[in-house]
Amino acid sequence: MSAVDSIPNPPDVFSRPATPLTRADLDRMPDDGYRHELIDGVLLVTPSPSFNHQDVALNLIFHLRQVCPPELYVMGAPFDMVLADDTVMIPDVLVARRDAFTKRDLPGPPLLAVEVLSPSTRRFDVMVKFSRLEAAGCAAYWVVDPDTPSLIAWELQDGAYVQVAKVTGEESARLTSPYDVTVVPADLIS
């Protein structure tokens, strides 16, 4: 029995298999409506996002695309970002150089990764994914909370994330990485 076969019904927390999982194991996962990600060989399975989550993600994608320079591209989930054979993540929104994308995935860290917080993923987004993206050299990381609404943005400086914005409601965040954009959290809610 492989590590994949030993996984019970999709959990909504990390499950550590006997041997670390790889991209090949992830490719064999069922298309069951769950989001399957690997972080350092550990499987994270989460349910489909809520209406509010998707609404905020789509509004942010639309906003970022309006001001995106032509050499960059804004991509929404689900789309794999491969940081290592044992780390395949699916940010809600990512921005990378247009020529960095392949038909299958983004091999390597993006210029910007964004996670829209959900009750089932909040802890992973602000702790585990934050740390993994920082270690991989992702230039900017944002988390958006659709319930508040709020945005926290970090930029990589000397190998560590530094918070560059924290705004709520009608407050605006003027951000420069990966390009100049102003985000008002309340505007992301339809």
N, C-alpha and C. Protein backbone atom coordinates (compact mmCIF):
# COMPACT_ATOMS: atom_id res chain seq x y z
N MET A 1 0.84 -1.17 0.00
CA MET A 1 0.00 0.00 0.00
C MET A 1 0.89 1.24 0.00
N SER A 2 0.62 2.18 -0.90
CA SER A 2 1.42 3.40 -0.96
C SER A 2 0.92 4.40 0.06
N ALA A 3 1.69 5.47 0.25
CA ALA A 3 1.29 6.53 1.18
C ALA A 3 -0.03 7.15 0.76
N VAL A 4 -0.26 7.26 -0.56
CA VAL A 4 -1.50 7.84 -1.06
C VAL A 4 -2.68 6.94 -0.71
N ASP A 5 -2.52 5.61 -0.86
CA ASP A 5 -3.60 4.67 -0.56
C ASP A 5 -3.98 4.68 0.92
N SER A 6 -3.05 5.07 1.79
CA SER A 6 -3.31 5.04 3.22
C SER A 6 -4.02 6.29 3.72
N ILE A 7 -4.30 7.24 2.85
CA ILE A 7 -4.96 8.48 3.27
C ILE A 7 -6.46 8.22 3.39
N PRO A 8 -7.05 8.52 4.58
CA PRO A 8 -8.48 8.30 4.75
C PRO A 8 -9.27 9.36 3.97
N ASN A 9 -10.57 9.39 4.19
CA ASN A 9 -11.36 10.43 3.55
C ASN A 9 -10.66 11.77 3.72
N PRO A 10 -10.77 12.66 2.71
CA PRO A 10 -9.97 13.89 2.73
C PRO A 10 -10.06 14.64 4.04
N PRO A 11 -8.92 14.80 4.71
CA PRO A 11 -8.90 15.57 5.95
C PRO A 11 -8.81 17.06 5.64
N ASP A 12 -9.12 17.89 6.61
CA ASP A 12 -8.97 19.32 6.39
C ASP A 12 -7.79 19.86 7.20
N VAL A 13 -6.89 18.96 7.58
CA VAL A 13 -5.67 19.34 8.28
C VAL A 13 -4.52 18.56 7.67
N PHE A 14 -3.31 18.91 8.04
CA PHE A 14 -2.15 18.18 7.56
C PHE A 14 -2.22 16.74 8.04
N SER A 15 -1.85 15.82 7.17
CA SER A 15 -1.70 14.43 7.57
C SER A 15 -0.31 13.99 7.14
N ARG A 16 0.48 13.50 8.08
CA ARG A 16 1.85 13.13 7.78
C ARG A 16 1.91 11.65 7.42
N PRO A 17 2.20 11.33 6.14
CA PRO A 17 2.33 9.93 5.74
C PRO A 17 3.64 9.34 6.25
N ALA A 18 3.75 8.01 6.14
CA ALA A 18 4.97 7.32 6.58
C ALA A 18 6.19 7.82 5.81
N THR A 19 6.03 8.06 4.51
CA THR A 19 7.10 8.62 3.69
C THR A 19 6.57 9.90 3.06
N PRO A 20 7.40 10.91 2.90
CA PRO A 20 6.93 12.17 2.32
C PRO A 20 6.34 11.95 0.92
N LEU A 21 5.24 12.64 0.65
CA LEU A 21 4.62 12.56 -0.66
C LEU A 21 5.38 13.44 -1.65
N THR A 22 5.20 13.14 -2.93
CA THR A 22 5.86 13.90 -3.99
C THR A 22 4.83 14.37 -5.01
N ARG A 23 5.30 15.11 -5.98
CA ARG A 23 4.44 15.58 -7.06
C ARG A 23 3.77 14.41 -7.78
N ALA A 24 4.47 13.30 -7.96
CA ALA A 24 3.89 12.12 -8.61
C ALA A 24 2.70 11.59 -7.80
N ASP A 25 2.83 11.57 -6.48
CA ASP A 25 1.70 11.14 -5.63
C ASP A 25 0.53 12.10 -5.79
N LEU A 26 0.83 13.38 -5.83
CA LEU A 26 -0.22 14.39 -5.97
C LEU A 26 -0.95 14.23 -7.30
N ASP A 27 -0.23 13.89 -8.34
CA ASP A 27 -0.85 13.68 -9.66
C ASP A 27 -1.84 12.52 -9.66
N ARG A 28 -1.68 11.58 -8.73
CA ARG A 28 -2.58 10.43 -8.65
C ARG A 28 -3.79 10.68 -7.75
N MET A 29 -3.87 11.86 -7.15
CA MET A 29 -5.01 12.17 -6.28
C MET A 29 -6.28 12.24 -7.11
N PRO A 30 -7.40 11.87 -6.52
CA PRO A 30 -8.67 11.91 -7.26
C PRO A 30 -9.12 13.34 -7.52
N ASP A 31 -9.85 13.50 -8.60
CA ASP A 31 -10.47 14.79 -8.89
C ASP A 31 -11.80 14.79 -8.15
N ASP A 32 -11.74 15.11 -6.85
CA ASP A 32 -12.88 14.94 -5.96
C ASP A 32 -13.49 16.25 -5.47
N GLY A 33 -13.09 17.38 -6.06
CA GLY A 33 -13.64 18.66 -5.63
C GLY A 33 -12.87 19.29 -4.48
N TYR A 34 -11.89 18.59 -3.95
CA TYR A 34 -11.06 19.14 -2.89
C TYR A 34 -9.79 19.72 -3.50
N ARG A 35 -9.18 20.65 -2.79
CA ARG A 35 -7.90 21.19 -3.21
C ARG A 35 -6.81 20.40 -2.51
N HIS A 36 -5.88 19.80 -3.30
CA HIS A 36 -4.79 18.99 -2.77
C HIS A 36 -3.49 19.75 -2.96
N GLU A 37 -2.80 20.03 -1.86
CA GLU A 37 -1.51 20.72 -1.92
C GLU A 37 -0.50 19.91 -1.11
N LEU A 38 0.78 20.06 -1.47
CA LEU A 38 1.87 19.45 -0.72
C LEU A 38 2.77 20.54 -0.18
N ILE A 39 3.11 20.43 1.08
CA ILE A 39 4.09 21.33 1.67
C ILE A 39 5.10 20.48 2.39
N ASP A 40 6.32 20.44 1.84
CA ASP A 40 7.40 19.62 2.40
C ASP A 40 6.98 18.17 2.56
N GLY A 41 6.28 17.62 1.55
CA GLY A 41 5.90 16.22 1.54
C GLY A 41 4.66 15.88 2.33
N VAL A 42 4.02 16.89 2.92
CA VAL A 42 2.82 16.67 3.74
C VAL A 42 1.61 17.15 2.94
N LEU A 43 0.58 16.32 2.91
CA LEU A 43 -0.63 16.61 2.15
C LEU A 43 -1.56 17.52 2.93
N LEU A 44 -2.04 18.56 2.26
CA LEU A 44 -3.07 19.44 2.80
C LEU A 44 -4.26 19.34 1.86
N VAL A 45 -5.39 18.90 2.39
CA VAL A 45 -6.61 18.76 1.59
C VAL A 45 -7.65 19.68 2.20
N THR A 46 -8.20 20.56 1.36
CA THR A 46 -9.20 21.51 1.84
C THR A 46 -10.43 21.46 0.96
N PRO A 47 -11.58 21.81 1.52
CA PRO A 47 -12.80 21.80 0.73
C PRO A 47 -12.84 22.95 -0.27
N SER A 48 -13.78 22.87 -1.18
CA SER A 48 -13.96 23.96 -2.14
C SER A 48 -14.22 25.25 -1.39
N PRO A 49 -13.74 26.38 -1.93
CA PRO A 49 -13.93 27.66 -1.24
C PRO A 49 -15.40 28.10 -1.23
N SER A 50 -15.72 28.97 -0.28
CA SER A 50 -17.07 29.51 -0.16
C SER A 50 -17.32 30.59 -1.22
N PHE A 51 -18.56 31.00 -1.32
CA PHE A 51 -18.94 32.06 -2.24
C PHE A 51 -18.14 33.34 -1.95
N ASN A 52 -18.10 33.77 -0.68
CA ASN A 52 -17.38 35.01 -0.32
C ASN A 52 -15.90 34.91 -0.66
N HIS A 53 -15.30 33.76 -0.40
CA HIS A 53 -13.90 33.54 -0.71
C HIS A 53 -13.66 33.72 -2.21
N GLN A 54 -14.45 33.05 -3.04
CA GLN A 54 -14.28 33.14 -4.48
C GLN A 54 -14.58 34.54 -5.01
N ASP A 55 -15.58 35.20 -4.43
CA ASP A 55 -15.93 36.56 -4.84
C ASP A 55 -14.74 37.51 -4.62
N VAL A 56 -14.13 37.43 -3.46
CA VAL A 56 -12.98 38.28 -3.15
C VAL A 56 -11.81 37.95 -4.07
N ALA A 57 -11.53 36.66 -4.27
CA ALA A 57 -10.41 36.25 -5.13
C ALA A 57 -10.61 36.76 -6.56
N LEU A 58 -11.82 36.59 -7.09
CA LEU A 58 -12.08 37.04 -8.46
C LEU A 58 -12.02 38.55 -8.59
N ASN A 59 -12.53 39.27 -7.60
CA ASN A 59 -12.45 40.73 -7.64
C ASN A 59 -11.00 41.21 -7.57
N LEU A 60 -10.19 40.53 -6.76
CA LEU A 60 -8.78 40.89 -6.67
C LEU A 60 -8.06 40.59 -7.99
N ILE A 61 -8.34 39.45 -8.59
CA ILE A 61 -7.73 39.11 -9.88
C ILE A 61 -8.08 40.18 -10.92
N PHE A 62 -9.35 40.54 -10.99
CA PHE A 62 -9.78 41.56 -11.95
C PHE A 62 -9.04 42.87 -11.70
N HIS A 63 -8.95 43.28 -10.44
CA HIS A 63 -8.28 44.53 -10.09
C HIS A 63 -6.79 44.48 -10.45
N LEU A 64 -6.12 43.39 -10.11
CA LEU A 64 -4.69 43.26 -10.41
C LEU A 64 -4.43 43.22 -11.91
N ARG A 65 -5.32 42.57 -12.66
CA ARG A 65 -5.13 42.48 -14.11
C ARG A 65 -5.27 43.84 -14.79
N GLN A 66 -6.08 44.71 -14.24
CA GLN A 66 -6.28 46.03 -14.84
C GLN A 66 -5.01 46.87 -14.87
N VAL A 67 -4.11 46.65 -13.93
CA VAL A 67 -2.89 47.46 -13.85
C VAL A 67 -1.62 46.64 -14.04
N CYS A 68 -1.77 45.39 -14.42
CA CYS A 68 -0.62 44.49 -14.57
C CYS A 68 0.22 44.87 -15.80
N PRO A 69 1.53 45.02 -15.63
CA PRO A 69 2.40 45.27 -16.78
C PRO A 69 2.37 44.08 -17.74
N PRO A 70 2.59 44.32 -19.03
CA PRO A 70 2.47 43.25 -20.02
C PRO A 70 3.44 42.08 -19.84
N GLU A 71 4.58 42.30 -19.21
CA GLU A 71 5.54 41.20 -19.03
C GLU A 71 5.18 40.27 -17.87
N LEU A 72 4.17 40.67 -17.07
CA LEU A 72 3.71 39.85 -15.95
C LEU A 72 2.33 39.30 -16.25
N TYR A 73 1.93 38.29 -15.46
CA TYR A 73 0.62 37.68 -15.65
C TYR A 73 0.01 37.37 -14.29
N VAL A 74 -1.29 37.62 -14.17
CA VAL A 74 -2.05 37.33 -12.95
C VAL A 74 -2.84 36.04 -13.19
N MET A 75 -2.67 35.05 -12.33
CA MET A 75 -3.34 33.76 -12.47
C MET A 75 -4.13 33.47 -11.20
N GLY A 76 -5.31 32.92 -11.36
CA GLY A 76 -6.14 32.52 -10.22
C GLY A 76 -6.14 31.02 -10.03
N ALA A 77 -6.50 30.61 -8.84
CA ALA A 77 -6.59 29.18 -8.50
C ALA A 77 -7.76 28.55 -9.25
N PRO A 78 -7.66 27.27 -9.50
CA PRO A 78 -6.55 26.39 -9.13
C PRO A 78 -5.48 26.36 -10.21
N PHE A 79 -4.25 26.61 -9.81
CA PHE A 79 -3.10 26.50 -10.69
C PHE A 79 -1.89 26.19 -9.82
N ASP A 80 -1.16 25.12 -10.15
CA ASP A 80 -0.05 24.68 -9.32
C ASP A 80 1.15 25.61 -9.39
N MET A 81 1.71 25.85 -8.22
CA MET A 81 2.99 26.54 -8.08
C MET A 81 3.93 25.51 -7.46
N VAL A 82 4.97 25.11 -8.18
CA VAL A 82 5.85 24.03 -7.74
C VAL A 82 7.14 24.64 -7.18
N LEU A 83 7.33 24.46 -5.88
CA LEU A 83 8.54 24.99 -5.24
C LEU A 83 9.60 23.91 -5.09
N ALA A 84 9.19 22.64 -5.08
CA ALA A 84 10.10 21.49 -4.99
C ALA A 84 9.27 20.25 -5.33
N ASP A 85 9.93 19.11 -5.49
CA ASP A 85 9.19 17.89 -5.80
C ASP A 85 8.21 17.54 -4.70
N ASP A 86 8.49 17.98 -3.47
CA ASP A 86 7.59 17.69 -2.35
C ASP A 86 6.77 18.90 -1.91
N THR A 87 6.77 19.96 -2.72
CA THR A 87 6.01 21.16 -2.35
C THR A 87 5.32 21.74 -3.58
N VAL A 88 4.02 21.50 -3.65
CA VAL A 88 3.18 22.01 -4.73
C VAL A 88 2.01 22.73 -4.06
N MET A 89 1.98 24.04 -4.21
CA MET A 89 0.96 24.85 -3.56
C MET A 89 0.04 25.46 -4.61
N ILE A 90 -1.15 25.85 -4.17
CA ILE A 90 -2.13 26.47 -5.05
C ILE A 90 -2.60 27.77 -4.41
N PRO A 91 -1.86 28.86 -4.59
CA PRO A 91 -2.33 30.13 -4.04
C PRO A 91 -3.63 30.55 -4.71
N ASP A 92 -4.43 31.33 -4.02
CA ASP A 92 -5.68 31.82 -4.60
C ASP A 92 -5.40 32.75 -5.77
N VAL A 93 -4.34 33.53 -5.67
CA VAL A 93 -3.92 34.43 -6.74
C VAL A 93 -2.40 34.42 -6.77
N LEU A 94 -1.83 34.41 -7.96
CA LEU A 94 -0.38 34.56 -8.07
C LEU A 94 -0.04 35.43 -9.26
N VAL A 95 1.09 36.11 -9.14
CA VAL A 95 1.60 36.98 -10.20
C VAL A 95 3.05 36.56 -10.44
N ALA A 96 3.37 36.35 -11.71
CA ALA A 96 4.74 35.97 -12.08
C ALA A 96 5.04 36.54 -13.46
N ARG A 97 6.30 36.46 -13.83
CA ARG A 97 6.67 36.83 -15.19
C ARG A 97 5.90 35.94 -16.15
N ARG A 98 5.37 36.51 -17.20
CA ARG A 98 4.58 35.77 -18.19
C ARG A 98 5.34 34.56 -18.72
N ASP A 99 6.64 34.73 -18.97
CA ASP A 99 7.44 33.64 -19.55
C ASP A 99 7.84 32.58 -18.52
N ALA A 100 7.50 32.77 -17.26
CA ALA A 100 7.83 31.79 -16.23
C ALA A 100 6.80 30.67 -16.16
N PHE A 101 5.59 30.91 -16.64
CA PHE A 101 4.52 29.92 -16.61
C PHE A 101 4.75 28.84 -17.66
N THR A 102 4.38 27.61 -17.32
CA THR A 102 4.28 26.55 -18.31
C THR A 102 2.79 26.24 -18.47
N LYS A 103 2.45 25.38 -19.40
CA LYS A 103 1.05 25.00 -19.57
C LYS A 103 0.51 24.28 -18.34
N ARG A 104 1.40 23.67 -17.56
CA ARG A 104 0.98 22.85 -16.43
C ARG A 104 1.07 23.57 -15.08
N ASP A 105 2.07 24.44 -14.92
CA ASP A 105 2.30 25.01 -13.59
C ASP A 105 3.22 26.22 -13.67
N LEU A 106 3.50 26.76 -12.50
CA LEU A 106 4.53 27.78 -12.34
C LEU A 106 5.67 27.11 -11.59
N PRO A 107 6.77 26.78 -12.29
CA PRO A 107 7.90 26.14 -11.61
C PRO A 107 8.74 27.20 -10.89
N GLY A 108 8.63 27.25 -9.60
CA GLY A 108 9.37 28.22 -8.82
C GLY A 108 8.44 29.24 -8.19
N PRO A 109 9.00 30.08 -7.33
CA PRO A 109 8.15 31.03 -6.62
C PRO A 109 7.66 32.16 -7.54
N PRO A 110 6.46 32.66 -7.27
CA PRO A 110 5.95 33.80 -8.03
C PRO A 110 6.53 35.10 -7.47
N LEU A 111 6.20 36.19 -8.11
CA LEU A 111 6.55 37.51 -7.58
C LEU A 111 5.59 37.90 -6.46
N LEU A 112 4.34 37.39 -6.56
CA LEU A 112 3.32 37.65 -5.55
C LEU A 112 2.44 36.41 -5.41
N ALA A 113 2.20 36.00 -4.18
CA ALA A 113 1.21 34.97 -3.87
C ALA A 113 0.20 35.60 -2.92
N VAL A 114 -1.07 35.30 -3.16
CA VAL A 114 -2.14 35.83 -2.31
C VAL A 114 -3.02 34.68 -1.85
N GLU A 115 -3.33 34.66 -0.58
CA GLU A 115 -4.30 33.71 -0.04
C GLU A 115 -5.48 34.50 0.53
N VAL A 116 -6.68 34.07 0.15
CA VAL A 116 -7.90 34.59 0.74
C VAL A 116 -8.23 33.65 1.89
N LEU A 117 -8.34 34.19 3.09
CA LEU A 117 -8.50 33.35 4.27
C LEU A 117 -9.86 32.68 4.32
N SER A 118 -9.85 31.42 4.75
CA SER A 118 -11.05 30.63 5.00
C SER A 118 -10.90 30.04 6.39
N PRO A 119 -12.00 29.73 7.06
CA PRO A 119 -11.88 29.14 8.40
C PRO A 119 -11.01 27.89 8.41
N SER A 120 -11.10 27.05 7.37
CA SER A 120 -10.35 25.80 7.37
C SER A 120 -8.88 25.96 7.02
N THR A 121 -8.48 27.11 6.47
CA THR A 121 -7.09 27.27 6.03
C THR A 121 -6.36 28.44 6.70
N ARG A 122 -7.04 29.22 7.49
CA ARG A 122 -6.46 30.44 8.07
C ARG A 122 -5.10 30.20 8.72
N ARG A 123 -5.02 29.21 9.59
CA ARG A 123 -3.78 28.93 10.31
C ARG A 123 -2.64 28.56 9.36
N PHE A 124 -2.95 27.76 8.34
CA PHE A 124 -1.93 27.34 7.39
C PHE A 124 -1.47 28.52 6.52
N ASP A 125 -2.42 29.37 6.13
CA ASP A 125 -2.09 30.50 5.27
C ASP A 125 -1.17 31.50 5.97
N VAL A 126 -1.43 31.78 7.24
CA VAL A 126 -0.64 32.80 7.92
C VAL A 126 0.60 32.26 8.63
N MET A 127 0.72 30.95 8.72
CA MET A 127 1.90 30.40 9.37
C MET A 127 2.71 29.52 8.41
N VAL A 128 2.16 28.40 8.00
CA VAL A 128 2.90 27.42 7.21
C VAL A 128 3.21 27.95 5.81
N LYS A 129 2.20 28.41 5.11
CA LYS A 129 2.43 28.91 3.75
C LYS A 129 3.31 30.16 3.77
N PHE A 130 3.08 31.03 4.74
CA PHE A 130 3.92 32.21 4.92
C PHE A 130 5.39 31.81 5.00
N SER A 131 5.70 30.86 5.87
CA SER A 131 7.09 30.42 6.07
C SER A 131 7.66 29.76 4.83
N ARG A 132 6.86 28.93 4.18
CA ARG A 132 7.36 28.21 2.99
C ARG A 132 7.61 29.16 1.83
N LEU A 133 6.71 30.13 1.63
CA LEU A 133 6.90 31.11 0.56
C LEU A 133 8.09 32.02 0.85
N GLU A 134 8.26 32.40 2.10
CA GLU A 134 9.41 33.21 2.50
C GLU A 134 10.71 32.46 2.21
N ALA A 135 10.78 31.18 2.59
CA ALA A 135 11.98 30.37 2.37
C ALA A 135 12.26 30.18 0.88
N ALA A 136 11.20 30.12 0.07
CA ALA A 136 11.36 29.91 -1.37
C ALA A 136 11.76 31.18 -2.11
N GLY A 137 11.66 32.33 -1.45
CA GLY A 137 12.04 33.58 -2.10
C GLY A 137 10.92 34.29 -2.85
N CYS A 138 9.67 34.01 -2.49
CA CYS A 138 8.53 34.72 -3.10
C CYS A 138 8.61 36.17 -2.65
N ALA A 139 8.67 37.09 -3.62
CA ALA A 139 8.95 38.50 -3.33
C ALA A 139 7.88 39.18 -2.48
N ALA A 140 6.62 38.79 -2.64
CA ALA A 140 5.54 39.42 -1.87
C ALA A 140 4.48 38.40 -1.54
N TYR A 141 3.90 38.52 -0.36
CA TYR A 141 2.83 37.63 0.08
C TYR A 141 1.75 38.47 0.74
N TRP A 142 0.50 38.25 0.31
CA TRP A 142 -0.63 38.96 0.89
C TRP A 142 -1.63 37.95 1.41
N VAL A 143 -2.31 38.29 2.49
CA VAL A 143 -3.49 37.55 2.93
C VAL A 143 -4.64 38.54 3.02
N VAL A 144 -5.79 38.09 2.50
CA VAL A 144 -7.00 38.90 2.50
C VAL A 144 -8.03 38.17 3.32
N ASP A 145 -8.65 38.86 4.27
CA ASP A 145 -9.71 38.28 5.08
C ASP A 145 -11.04 38.82 4.58
N PRO A 146 -11.86 37.97 3.95
CA PRO A 146 -13.13 38.45 3.41
C PRO A 146 -14.15 38.77 4.49
N ASP A 147 -13.97 38.24 5.70
CA ASP A 147 -14.93 38.48 6.76
C ASP A 147 -14.77 39.85 7.40
N THR A 148 -13.56 40.39 7.41
CA THR A 148 -13.33 41.66 8.11
C THR A 148 -13.80 42.87 7.33
N PRO A 149 -13.61 43.15 6.08
CA PRO A 149 -12.54 42.74 5.17
C PRO A 149 -11.23 43.45 5.49
N SER A 150 -10.12 42.74 5.25
CA SER A 150 -8.80 43.32 5.53
C SER A 150 -7.74 42.69 4.64
N LEU A 151 -6.59 43.35 4.61
CA LEU A 151 -5.45 42.87 3.83
C LEU A 151 -4.18 43.11 4.63
N ILE A 152 -3.33 42.10 4.68
CA ILE A 152 -1.98 42.26 5.22
C ILE A 152 -1.03 41.88 4.11
N ALA A 153 -0.02 42.72 3.88
CA ALA A 153 0.96 42.48 2.82
C ALA A 153 2.37 42.48 3.40
N TRP A 154 3.17 41.52 2.93
CA TRP A 154 4.57 41.43 3.32
C TRP A 154 5.42 41.44 2.05
N GLU A 155 6.62 41.98 2.17
CA GLU A 155 7.60 41.93 1.08
C GLU A 155 8.89 41.35 1.62
N LEU A 156 9.57 40.61 0.76
CA LEU A 156 10.82 39.97 1.13
C LEU A 156 11.93 41.01 1.14
N GLN A 157 12.59 41.16 2.27
CA GLN A 157 13.71 42.07 2.41
C GLN A 157 14.82 41.33 3.15
N ASP A 158 15.97 41.20 2.49
CA ASP A 158 17.11 40.48 3.06
C ASP A 158 16.73 39.07 3.52
N GLY A 159 15.90 38.39 2.71
CA GLY A 159 15.55 37.01 2.97
C GLY A 159 14.43 36.78 3.96
N ALA A 160 13.82 37.85 4.47
CA ALA A 160 12.74 37.69 5.45
C ALA A 160 11.58 38.62 5.09
N TYR A 161 10.36 38.16 5.39
CA TYR A 161 9.20 39.00 5.14
C TYR A 161 9.10 40.13 6.15
N VAL A 162 8.81 41.30 5.62
CA VAL A 162 8.57 42.50 6.42
C VAL A 162 7.17 42.99 6.06
N GLN A 163 6.35 43.24 7.07
CA GLN A 163 5.00 43.73 6.80
C GLN A 163 5.08 45.14 6.24
N VAL A 164 4.43 45.34 5.08
CA VAL A 164 4.45 46.65 4.42
C VAL A 164 3.08 47.31 4.41
N ALA A 165 2.04 46.56 4.73
CA ALA A 165 0.70 47.13 4.79
C ALA A 165 -0.21 46.26 5.63
N LYS A 166 -1.11 46.92 6.35
CA LYS A 166 -2.17 46.24 7.08
C LYS A 166 -3.34 47.21 7.09
N VAL A 167 -4.37 46.89 6.29
CA VAL A 167 -5.50 47.80 6.15
C VAL A 167 -6.81 47.03 6.32
N THR A 168 -7.84 47.78 6.73
CA THR A 168 -9.15 47.21 6.96
C THR A 168 -10.21 48.09 6.32
N GLY A 169 -11.27 47.48 5.84
CA GLY A 169 -12.42 48.22 5.32
C GLY A 169 -12.08 49.16 4.18
N GLU A 170 -12.37 50.44 4.37
CA GLU A 170 -12.17 51.46 3.34
C GLU A 170 -10.74 52.00 3.27
N GLU A 171 -9.87 51.56 4.17
CA GLU A 171 -8.47 52.01 4.12
C GLU A 171 -7.82 51.47 2.85
N SER A 172 -6.86 52.21 2.32
CA SER A 172 -6.19 51.76 1.10
C SER A 172 -4.74 51.39 1.37
N ALA A 173 -4.32 50.35 0.70
CA ALA A 173 -2.92 49.92 0.76
C ALA A 173 -2.29 50.25 -0.58
N ARG A 174 -1.27 51.07 -0.57
CA ARG A 174 -0.53 51.39 -1.79
C ARG A 174 0.71 50.50 -1.80
N LEU A 175 0.70 49.54 -2.72
CA LEU A 175 1.75 48.52 -2.76
C LEU A 175 2.57 48.66 -4.02
N THR A 176 3.84 48.27 -3.94
CA THR A 176 4.75 48.42 -5.08
C THR A 176 5.31 47.11 -5.60
N SER A 177 5.05 46.01 -4.88
CA SER A 177 5.61 44.73 -5.31
C SER A 177 4.47 43.76 -5.56
N PRO A 178 4.37 43.24 -6.75
CA PRO A 178 5.33 43.22 -7.84
C PRO A 178 5.22 44.42 -8.79
N TYR A 179 4.18 45.25 -8.60
CA TYR A 179 4.03 46.48 -9.37
C TYR A 179 3.12 47.41 -8.58
N ASP A 180 3.06 48.66 -9.00
CA ASP A 180 2.26 49.65 -8.27
C ASP A 180 0.77 49.33 -8.38
N VAL A 181 0.13 49.18 -7.23
CA VAL A 181 -1.30 48.93 -7.18
C VAL A 181 -1.82 49.40 -5.82
N THR A 182 -3.03 49.91 -5.83
CA THR A 182 -3.70 50.29 -4.59
C THR A 182 -4.86 49.34 -4.38
N VAL A 183 -4.96 48.80 -3.17
CA VAL A 183 -6.02 47.85 -2.84
C VAL A 183 -6.79 48.37 -1.65
N VAL A 184 -8.11 48.40 -1.78
CA VAL A 184 -9.04 48.76 -0.70
C VAL A 184 -9.84 47.49 -0.39
N PRO A 185 -9.64 46.89 0.79
CA PRO A 185 -10.30 45.63 1.08
C PRO A 185 -11.82 45.64 0.88
N ALA A 186 -12.49 46.70 1.27
CA ALA A 186 -13.95 46.77 1.13
C ALA A 186 -14.37 46.69 -0.34
N ASP A 187 -13.52 47.15 -1.25
CA ASP A 187 -13.84 47.11 -2.68
C ASP A 187 -13.78 45.70 -3.25
N LEU A 188 -13.21 44.76 -2.51
CA LEU A 188 -13.10 43.39 -2.99
C LEU A 188 -14.36 42.58 -2.69
N ILE A 189 -15.27 43.16 -1.93
CA ILE A 189 -16.53 42.50 -1.58
C ILE A 189 -17.62 43.01 -2.51
N SER A 190 -18.31 42.11 -3.20
CA SER A 190 -19.38 42.51 -4.12
C SER A 190 -20.65 42.83 -3.36
